[in-house]
Amino acid sequence: MTIAIVSEKGWVVVPKIFREKYGLKPGTRVQVVDDGEGISIIPLPDDPINALRGMFAQEPSLSEDLLIERQRARTVEEKNIEQALRSG
């Protein structure tokens, strides 16, 4: 377990082992998250847009699913219209 001390100004020195492990350098932006039971310090990427690129590449395409569902709905609607015209 590693212990850090909070200074009078509220500063906490991140131990060297964690700075090296997570690539924390002077000027690195971090997010402080309060989960209700404690806090976490999460390094933020230099380029958040680039860091998220390809994040969902392995997931199914929601756009493709939407297009398939729209085609099904169109087919059903066209059948309903044809039936209405025949019985009309």
PDB file of N, CA and C in Angstrom:
ATOM      1  N   MET A   1       0.857  -1.166   0.000  1.00  0.00           N
ATOM      2  CA  MET A   1       0.000   0.000   0.000  1.00  0.00           C
ATOM      3  C   MET A   1       0.903   1.228   0.000  1.00  0.00           C
ATOM      4  N   THR A   2       0.533   2.199  -0.824  1.00  0.00           N
ATOM      5  CA  THR A   2       1.282   3.442  -0.905  1.00  0.00           C
ATOM      6  C   THR A   2       0.461   4.545  -0.256  1.00  0.00           C
ATOM      7  N   ILE A   3       1.110   5.358   0.528  1.00  0.00           N
ATOM      8  CA  ILE A   3       0.421   6.435   1.237  1.00  0.00           C
ATOM      9  C   ILE A   3       0.967   7.770   0.751  1.00  0.00           C
ATOM     10  N   ALA A   4       0.086   8.719   0.536  1.00  0.00           N
ATOM     11  CA  ALA A   4       0.460  10.086   0.182  1.00  0.00           C
ATOM     12  C   ALA A   4      -0.149  11.008   1.222  1.00  0.00           C
ATOM     13  N   ILE A   5       0.431  12.171   1.366  1.00  0.00           N
ATOM     14  CA  ILE A   5      -0.048  13.144   2.357  1.00  0.00           C
ATOM     15  C   ILE A   5      -0.590  14.359   1.626  1.00  0.00           C
ATOM     16  N   VAL A   6      -1.726  14.866   2.098  1.00  0.00           N
ATOM     17  CA  VAL A   6      -2.325  16.061   1.526  1.00  0.00           C
ATOM     18  C   VAL A   6      -1.669  17.278   2.187  1.00  0.00           C
ATOM     19  N   SER A   7      -1.170  18.209   1.353  1.00  0.00           N
ATOM     20  CA  SER A   7      -0.522  19.410   1.893  1.00  0.00           C
ATOM     21  C   SER A   7      -1.565  20.415   2.363  1.00  0.00           C
ATOM     22  N   GLU A   8      -1.093  21.507   2.957  1.00  0.00           N
ATOM     23  CA  GLU A   8      -2.009  22.566   3.403  1.00  0.00           C
ATOM     24  C   GLU A   8      -2.778  23.163   2.238  1.00  0.00           C
ATOM     25  N   LYS A   9      -2.183  23.152   1.059  1.00  0.00           N
ATOM     26  CA  LYS A   9      -2.837  23.687  -0.138  1.00  0.00           C
ATOM     27  C   LYS A   9      -3.738  22.652  -0.810  1.00  0.00           C
ATOM     28  N   GLY A  10      -3.806  21.442  -0.267  1.00  0.00           N
ATOM     29  CA  GLY A  10      -4.634  20.400  -0.855  1.00  0.00           C
ATOM     30  C   GLY A  10      -3.927  19.591  -1.917  1.00  0.00           C
ATOM     31  N   TRP A  11      -2.631  19.773  -2.071  1.00  0.00           N
ATOM     32  CA  TRP A  11      -1.862  19.035  -3.071  1.00  0.00           C
ATOM     33  C   TRP A  11      -1.540  17.646  -2.566  1.00  0.00           C
ATOM     34  N   VAL A  12      -1.520  16.703  -3.496  1.00  0.00           N
ATOM     35  CA  VAL A  12      -1.114  15.331  -3.193  1.00  0.00           C
ATOM     36  C   VAL A  12      -0.061  14.947  -4.225  1.00  0.00           C
ATOM     37  N   VAL A  13       1.056  14.429  -3.776  1.00  0.00           N
ATOM     38  CA  VAL A  13       2.089  13.971  -4.699  1.00  0.00           C
ATOM     39  C   VAL A  13       1.774  12.528  -5.073  1.00  0.00           C
ATOM     40  N   VAL A  14       1.640  12.289  -6.371  1.00  0.00           N
ATOM     41  CA  VAL A  14       1.400  10.934  -6.852  1.00  0.00           C
ATOM     42  C   VAL A  14       2.747  10.200  -6.808  1.00  0.00           C
ATOM     43  N   PRO A  15       2.810   9.090  -6.113  1.00  0.00           N
ATOM     44  CA  PRO A  15       4.080   8.369  -6.002  1.00  0.00           C
ATOM     45  C   PRO A  15       4.664   8.015  -7.372  1.00  0.00           C
ATOM     46  N   LYS A  16       5.990   7.997  -7.441  1.00  0.00           N
ATOM     47  CA  LYS A  16       6.719   7.778  -8.683  1.00  0.00           C
ATOM     48  C   LYS A  16       6.289   6.508  -9.398  1.00  0.00           C
ATOM     49  N   ILE A  17       6.068   5.440  -8.652  1.00  0.00           N
ATOM     50  CA  ILE A  17       5.685   4.164  -9.278  1.00  0.00           C
ATOM     51  C   ILE A  17       4.403   4.316 -10.105  1.00  0.00           C
ATOM     52  N   PHE A  18       3.444   5.125  -9.609  1.00  0.00           N
ATOM     53  CA  PHE A  18       2.183   5.327 -10.331  1.00  0.00           C
ATOM     54  C   PHE A  18       2.350   6.353 -11.455  1.00  0.00           C
ATOM     55  N   ARG A  19       3.192   7.370 -11.247  1.00  0.00           N
ATOM     56  CA  ARG A  19       3.446   8.331 -12.327  1.00  0.00           C
ATOM     57  C   ARG A  19       4.047   7.616 -13.521  1.00  0.00           C
ATOM     58  N   GLU A  20       4.982   6.707 -13.260  1.00  0.00           N
ATOM     59  CA  GLU A  20       5.607   5.964 -14.357  1.00  0.00           C
ATOM     60  C   GLU A  20       4.620   4.984 -14.991  1.00  0.00           C
ATOM     61  N   LYS A  21       3.877   4.276 -14.169  1.00  0.00           N
ATOM     62  CA  LYS A  21       2.930   3.268 -14.674  1.00  0.00           C
ATOM     63  C   LYS A  21       1.865   3.892 -15.583  1.00  0.00           C
ATOM     64  N   TYR A  22       1.374   5.087 -15.205  1.00  0.00           N
ATOM     65  CA  TYR A  22       0.271   5.707 -15.942  1.00  0.00           C
ATOM     66  C   TYR A  22       0.726   6.873 -16.818  1.00  0.00           C
ATOM     67  N   GLY A  23       2.039   7.057 -16.940  1.00  0.00           N
ATOM     68  CA  GLY A  23       2.558   8.089 -17.833  1.00  0.00           C
ATOM     69  C   GLY A  23       2.217   9.494 -17.397  1.00  0.00           C
ATOM     70  N   LEU A  24       2.151   9.728 -16.104  1.00  0.00           N
ATOM     71  CA  LEU A  24       1.830  11.060 -15.596  1.00  0.00           C
ATOM     72  C   LEU A  24       3.094  11.917 -15.607  1.00  0.00           C
ATOM     73  N   LYS A  25       3.024  13.020 -16.342  1.00  0.00           N
ATOM     74  CA  LYS A  25       4.131  13.945 -16.447  1.00  0.00           C
ATOM     75  C   LYS A  25       3.627  15.316 -16.013  1.00  0.00           C
ATOM     76  N   PRO A  26       4.520  16.252 -15.735  1.00  0.00           N
ATOM     77  CA  PRO A  26       4.051  17.604 -15.410  1.00  0.00           C
ATOM     78  C   PRO A  26       3.128  18.128 -16.503  1.00  0.00           C
ATOM     79  N   GLY A  27       1.987  18.632 -16.125  1.00  0.00           N
ATOM     80  CA  GLY A  27       1.010  19.159 -17.075  1.00  0.00           C
ATOM     81  C   GLY A  27      -0.037  18.149 -17.519  1.00  0.00           C
ATOM     82  N   THR A  28       0.121  16.873 -17.136  1.00  0.00           N
ATOM     83  CA  THR A  28      -0.888  15.873 -17.489  1.00  0.00           C
ATOM     84  C   THR A  28      -2.198  16.220 -16.801  1.00  0.00           C
ATOM     85  N   ARG A  29      -3.276  16.210 -17.569  1.00  0.00           N
ATOM     86  CA  ARG A  29      -4.600  16.485 -16.996  1.00  0.00           C
ATOM     87  C   ARG A  29      -5.160  15.189 -16.425  1.00  0.00           C
ATOM     88  N   VAL A  30      -5.786  15.292 -15.246  1.00  0.00           N
ATOM     89  CA  VAL A  30      -6.412  14.139 -14.615  1.00  0.00           C
ATOM     90  C   VAL A  30      -7.827  14.521 -14.202  1.00  0.00           C
ATOM     91  N   GLN A  31      -8.661  13.518 -14.100  1.00  0.00           N
ATOM     92  CA  GLN A  31     -10.027  13.708 -13.626  1.00  0.00           C
ATOM     93  C   GLN A  31     -10.112  13.101 -12.238  1.00  0.00           C
ATOM     94  N   VAL A  32     -10.697  13.850 -11.307  1.00  0.00           N
ATOM     95  CA  VAL A  32     -10.887  13.350  -9.950  1.00  0.00           C
ATOM     96  C   VAL A  32     -12.347  12.936  -9.845  1.00  0.00           C
ATOM     97  N   VAL A  33     -12.581  11.656  -9.554  1.00  0.00           N
ATOM     98  CA  VAL A  33     -13.930  11.090  -9.532  1.00  0.00           C
ATOM     99  C   VAL A  33     -14.291  10.684  -8.109  1.00  0.00           C
ATOM    100  N   ASP A  34     -15.441  11.146  -7.659  1.00  0.00           N
ATOM    101  CA  ASP A  34     -15.960  10.792  -6.337  1.00  0.00           C
ATOM    102  C   ASP A  34     -17.055   9.758  -6.537  1.00  0.00           C
ATOM    103  N   ASP A  35     -16.827   8.535  -6.078  1.00  0.00           N
ATOM    104  CA  ASP A  35     -17.839   7.483  -6.246  1.00  0.00           C
ATOM    105  C   ASP A  35     -18.702   7.305  -4.999  1.00  0.00           C
ATOM    106  N   GLY A  36     -18.590   8.226  -4.055  1.00  0.00           N
ATOM    107  CA  GLY A  36     -19.400   8.147  -2.847  1.00  0.00           C
ATOM    108  C   GLY A  36     -18.700   7.442  -1.704  1.00  0.00           C
ATOM    109  N   GLU A  37     -17.715   6.624  -2.012  1.00  0.00           N
ATOM    110  CA  GLU A  37     -16.975   5.910  -0.971  1.00  0.00           C
ATOM    111  C   GLU A  37     -15.506   6.293  -0.956  1.00  0.00           C
ATOM    112  N   GLY A  38     -15.062   6.996  -1.987  1.00  0.00           N
ATOM    113  CA  GLY A  38     -13.675   7.404  -2.093  1.00  0.00           C
ATOM    114  C   GLY A  38     -13.482   8.174  -3.375  1.00  0.00           C
ATOM    115  N   ILE A  39     -12.249   8.542  -3.648  1.00  0.00           N
ATOM    116  CA  ILE A  39     -11.965   9.268  -4.883  1.00  0.00           C
ATOM    117  C   ILE A  39     -10.947   8.491  -5.715  1.00  0.00           C
ATOM    118  N   SER A  40     -11.018   8.695  -7.012  1.00  0.00           N
ATOM    119  CA  SER A  40     -10.065   8.103  -7.945  1.00  0.00           C
ATOM    120  C   SER A  40      -9.488   9.213  -8.795  1.00  0.00           C
ATOM    121  N   ILE A  41      -8.239   9.067  -9.178  1.00  0.00           N
ATOM    122  CA  ILE A  41      -7.590  10.010 -10.073  1.00  0.00           C
ATOM    123  C   ILE A  41      -7.376   9.283 -11.394  1.00  0.00           C
ATOM    124  N   ILE A  42      -7.981   9.802 -12.452  1.00  0.00           N
ATOM    125  CA  ILE A  42      -7.941   9.137 -13.751  1.00  0.00           C
ATOM    126  C   ILE A  42      -7.233  10.038 -14.759  1.00  0.00           C
ATOM    127  N   PRO A  43      -6.125   9.560 -15.343  1.00  0.00           N
ATOM    128  CA  PRO A  43      -5.432  10.372 -16.351  1.00  0.00           C
ATOM    129  C   PRO A  43      -6.315  10.572 -17.577  1.00  0.00           C
ATOM    130  N   LEU A  44      -6.315  11.790 -18.104  1.00  0.00           N
ATOM    131  CA  LEU A  44      -7.063  12.089 -19.319  1.00  0.00           C
ATOM    132  C   LEU A  44      -6.115  12.044 -20.513  1.00  0.00           C
ATOM    133  N   PRO A  45      -6.579  11.527 -21.636  1.00  0.00           N
ATOM    134  CA  PRO A  45      -5.711  11.480 -22.820  1.00  0.00           C
ATOM    135  C   PRO A  45      -5.440  12.886 -23.347  1.00  0.00           C
ATOM    136  N   ASP A  46      -4.281  13.050 -23.982  1.00  0.00           N
ATOM    137  CA  ASP A  46      -3.944  14.342 -24.579  1.00  0.00           C
ATOM    138  C   ASP A  46      -4.943  14.715 -25.669  1.00  0.00           C
ATOM    139  N   ASP A  47      -5.362  13.728 -26.460  1.00  0.00           N
ATOM    140  CA  ASP A  47      -6.330  13.946 -27.539  1.00  0.00           C
ATOM    141  C   ASP A  47      -7.516  13.014 -27.306  1.00  0.00           C
ATOM    142  N   PRO A  48      -8.548  13.495 -26.589  1.00  0.00           N
ATOM    143  CA  PRO A  48      -9.673  12.608 -26.240  1.00  0.00           C
ATOM    144  C   PRO A  48     -10.422  12.062 -27.457  1.00  0.00           C
ATOM    145  N   ILE A  49     -10.499  12.840 -28.528  1.00  0.00           N
ATOM    146  CA  ILE A  49     -11.195  12.367 -29.728  1.00  0.00           C
ATOM    147  C   ILE A  49     -10.452  11.180 -30.326  1.00  0.00           C
ATOM    148  N   ASN A  50      -9.157  11.321 -30.471  1.00  0.00           N
ATOM    149  CA  ASN A  50      -8.350  10.250 -31.040  1.00  0.00           C
ATOM    150  C   ASN A  50      -8.337   9.023 -30.126  1.00  0.00           C
ATOM    151  N   ALA A  51      -8.368   9.244 -28.816  1.00  0.00           N
ATOM    152  CA  ALA A  51      -8.360   8.129 -27.865  1.00  0.00           C
ATOM    153  C   ALA A  51      -9.619   7.275 -27.986  1.00  0.00           C
ATOM    154  N   LEU A  52     -10.732   7.883 -28.398  1.00  0.00           N
ATOM    155  CA  LEU A  52     -11.999   7.148 -28.518  1.00  0.00           C
ATOM    156  C   LEU A  52     -12.203   6.530 -29.899  1.00  0.00           C
ATOM    157  N   ARG A  53     -11.360   6.915 -30.854  1.00  0.00           N
ATOM    158  CA  ARG A  53     -11.507   6.405 -32.227  1.00  0.00           C
ATOM    159  C   ARG A  53     -11.423   4.870 -32.240  1.00  0.00           C
ATOM    160  N   GLY A  54     -12.390   4.240 -32.862  1.00  0.00           N
ATOM    161  CA  GLY A  54     -12.408   2.791 -32.972  1.00  0.00           C
ATOM    162  C   GLY A  54     -12.911   2.085 -31.721  1.00  0.00           C
ATOM    163  N   MET A  55     -13.407   2.841 -30.764  1.00  0.00           N
ATOM    164  CA  MET A  55     -13.859   2.279 -29.492  1.00  0.00           C
ATOM    165  C   MET A  55     -14.950   1.220 -29.676  1.00  0.00           C
ATOM    166  N   PHE A  56     -15.818   1.432 -30.661  1.00  0.00           N
ATOM    167  CA  PHE A  56     -16.929   0.508 -30.874  1.00  0.00           C
ATOM    168  C   PHE A  56     -16.745  -0.340 -32.120  1.00  0.00           C
ATOM    169  N   ALA A  57     -15.532  -0.451 -32.604  1.00  0.00           N
ATOM    170  CA  ALA A  57     -15.280  -1.175 -33.856  1.00  0.00           C
ATOM    171  C   ALA A  57     -15.704  -2.636 -33.768  1.00  0.00           C
ATOM    172  N   GLN A  58     -15.606  -3.247 -32.609  1.00  0.00           N
ATOM    173  CA  GLN A  58     -15.948  -4.656 -32.452  1.00  0.00           C
ATOM    174  C   GLN A  58     -17.432  -4.874 -32.157  1.00  0.00           C
ATOM    175  N   GLU A  59     -18.147  -3.794 -31.898  1.00  0.00           N
ATOM    176  CA  GLU A  59     -19.573  -3.897 -31.572  1.00  0.00           C
ATOM    177  C   GLU A  59     -20.401  -3.978 -32.848  1.00  0.00           C
ATOM    178  N   PRO A  60     -21.611  -4.526 -32.751  1.00  0.00           N
ATOM    179  CA  PRO A  60     -22.489  -4.533 -33.925  1.00  0.00           C
ATOM    180  C   PRO A  60     -22.847  -3.103 -34.323  1.00  0.00           C
ATOM    181  N   SER A  61     -23.046  -2.894 -35.602  1.00  0.00           N
ATOM    182  CA  SER A  61     -23.373  -1.560 -36.104  1.00  0.00           C
ATOM    183  C   SER A  61     -24.835  -1.247 -35.823  1.00  0.00           C
ATOM    184  N   LEU A  62     -25.066  -0.234 -35.029  1.00  0.00           N
ATOM    185  CA  LEU A  62     -26.439   0.175 -34.734  1.00  0.00           C
ATOM    186  C   LEU A  62     -27.082   0.811 -35.959  1.00  0.00           C
ATOM    187  N   SER A  63     -26.283   1.441 -36.799  1.00  0.00           N
ATOM    188  CA  SER A  63     -26.818   2.035 -38.028  1.00  0.00           C
ATOM    189  C   SER A  63     -27.361   0.947 -38.946  1.00  0.00           C
ATOM    190  N   GLU A  64     -26.600  -0.136 -39.084  1.00  0.00           N
ATOM    191  CA  GLU A  64     -27.070  -1.243 -39.922  1.00  0.00           C
ATOM    192  C   GLU A  64     -28.348  -1.841 -39.353  1.00  0.00           C
ATOM    193  N   ASP A  65     -28.407  -2.024 -38.041  1.00  0.00           N
ATOM    194  CA  ASP A  65     -29.617  -2.555 -37.410  1.00  0.00           C
ATOM    195  C   ASP A  65     -30.809  -1.637 -37.666  1.00  0.00           C
ATOM    196  N   LEU A  66     -30.587  -0.326 -37.569  1.00  0.00           N
ATOM    197  CA  LEU A  66     -31.666   0.632 -37.804  1.00  0.00           C
ATOM    198  C   LEU A  66     -32.145   0.552 -39.257  1.00  0.00           C
ATOM    199  N   LEU A  67     -31.232   0.466 -40.205  1.00  0.00           N
ATOM    200  CA  LEU A  67     -31.626   0.378 -41.612  1.00  0.00           C
ATOM    201  C   LEU A  67     -32.410  -0.899 -41.895  1.00  0.00           C
ATOM    202  N   ILE A  68     -32.001  -2.006 -41.295  1.00  0.00           N
ATOM    203  CA  ILE A  68     -32.717  -3.278 -41.467  1.00  0.00           C
ATOM    204  C   ILE A  68     -34.125  -3.165 -40.888  1.00  0.00           C
ATOM    205  N   GLU A  69     -34.233  -2.572 -39.698  1.00  0.00           N
ATOM    206  CA  GLU A  69     -35.557  -2.423 -39.063  1.00  0.00           C
ATOM    207  C   GLU A  69     -36.445  -1.498 -39.893  1.00  0.00           C
ATOM    208  N   ARG A  70     -35.886  -0.439 -40.436  1.00  0.00           N
ATOM    209  CA  ARG A  70     -36.673   0.477 -41.275  1.00  0.00           C
ATOM    210  C   ARG A  70     -37.167  -0.235 -42.538  1.00  0.00           C
ATOM    211  N   GLN A  71     -36.330  -1.083 -43.111  1.00  0.00           N
ATOM    212  CA  GLN A  71     -36.733  -1.830 -44.306  1.00  0.00           C
ATOM    213  C   GLN A  71     -37.879  -2.788 -43.969  1.00  0.00           C
ATOM    214  N   ARG A  72     -37.778  -3.459 -42.827  1.00  0.00           N
ATOM    215  CA  ARG A  72     -38.876  -4.356 -42.395  1.00  0.00           C
ATOM    216  C   ARG A  72     -40.174  -3.581 -42.219  1.00  0.00           C
ATOM    217  N   ALA A  73     -40.081  -2.425 -41.559  1.00  0.00           N
ATOM    218  CA  ALA A  73     -41.283  -1.611 -41.334  1.00  0.00           C
ATOM    219  C   ALA A  73     -41.870  -1.151 -42.669  1.00  0.00           C
ATOM    220  N   ARG A  74     -41.013  -0.773 -43.619  1.00  0.00           N
ATOM    221  CA  ARG A  74     -41.488  -0.346 -44.934  1.00  0.00           C
ATOM    222  C   ARG A  74     -42.202  -1.491 -45.645  1.00  0.00           C
ATOM    223  N   THR A  75     -41.652  -2.696 -45.565  1.00  0.00           N
ATOM    224  CA  THR A  75     -42.253  -3.867 -46.201  1.00  0.00           C
ATOM    225  C   THR A  75     -43.638  -4.138 -45.611  1.00  0.00           C
ATOM    226  N   VAL A  76     -43.732  -4.087 -44.292  1.00  0.00           N
ATOM    227  CA  VAL A  76     -45.032  -4.311 -43.630  1.00  0.00           C
ATOM    228  C   VAL A  76     -46.030  -3.239 -44.055  1.00  0.00           C
ATOM    229  N   GLU A  77     -45.600  -1.985 -44.092  1.00  0.00           N
ATOM    230  CA  GLU A  77     -46.491  -0.890 -44.473  1.00  0.00           C
ATOM    231  C   GLU A  77     -46.959  -1.043 -45.918  1.00  0.00           C
ATOM    232  N   GLU A  78     -46.058  -1.451 -46.812  1.00  0.00           N
ATOM    233  CA  GLU A  78     -46.436  -1.639 -48.209  1.00  0.00           C
ATOM    234  C   GLU A  78     -47.452  -2.772 -48.349  1.00  0.00           C
ATOM    235  N   LYS A  79     -47.270  -3.847 -47.579  1.00  0.00           N
ATOM    236  CA  LYS A  79     -48.240  -4.959 -47.617  1.00  0.00           C
ATOM    237  C   LYS A  79     -49.594  -4.493 -47.107  1.00  0.00           C
ATOM    238  N   ASN A  80     -49.602  -3.688 -46.051  1.00  0.00           N
ATOM    239  CA  ASN A  80     -50.866  -3.168 -45.507  1.00  0.00           C
ATOM    240  C   ASN A  80     -51.582  -2.283 -46.525  1.00  0.00           C
ATOM    241  N   ILE A  81     -50.816  -1.479 -47.240  1.00  0.00           N
ATOM    242  CA  ILE A  81     -51.409  -0.607 -48.258  1.00  0.00           C
ATOM    243  C   ILE A  81     -51.986  -1.444 -49.394  1.00  0.00           C
ATOM    244  N   GLU A  82     -51.252  -2.458 -49.838  1.00  0.00           N
ATOM    245  CA  GLU A  82     -51.749  -3.332 -50.907  1.00  0.00           C
ATOM    246  C   GLU A  82     -53.043  -4.020 -50.492  1.00  0.00           C
ATOM    247  N   GLN A  83     -53.102  -4.536 -49.266  1.00  0.00           N
ATOM    248  CA  GLN A  83     -54.304  -5.204 -48.774  1.00  0.00           C
ATOM    249  C   GLN A  83     -55.468  -4.231 -48.699  1.00  0.00           C
ATOM    250  N   ALA A  84     -55.197  -3.012 -48.258  1.00  0.00           N
ATOM    251  CA  ALA A  84     -56.259  -2.010 -48.154  1.00  0.00           C
ATOM    252  C   ALA A  84     -56.803  -1.667 -49.543  1.00  0.00           C
ATOM    253  N   LEU A  85     -55.914  -1.563 -50.523  1.00  0.00           N
ATOM    254  CA  LEU A  85     -56.348  -1.245 -51.885  1.00  0.00           C
ATOM    255  C   LEU A  85     -57.163  -2.383 -52.496  1.00  0.00           C
ATOM    256  N   ARG A  86     -56.768  -3.635 -52.210  1.00  0.00           N
ATOM    257  CA  ARG A  86     -57.510  -4.776 -52.741  1.00  0.00           C
ATOM    258  C   ARG A  86     -58.896  -4.885 -52.124  1.00  0.00           C
ATOM    259  N   SER A  87     -58.987  -4.639 -50.856  1.00  0.00           N
ATOM    260  CA  SER A  87     -60.281  -4.799 -50.171  1.00  0.00           C
ATOM    261  C   SER A  87     -61.142  -3.552 -50.288  1.00  0.00           C
ATOM    262  N   GLY A  88     -60.528  -2.441 -50.704  1.00  0.00           N
ATOM    263  CA  GLY A  88     -61.175  -1.148 -50.743  1.00  0.00           C
ATOM    264  C   GLY A  88     -62.290  -0.991 -51.635  1.00  0.00           C
TER     265      GLY A  88
END
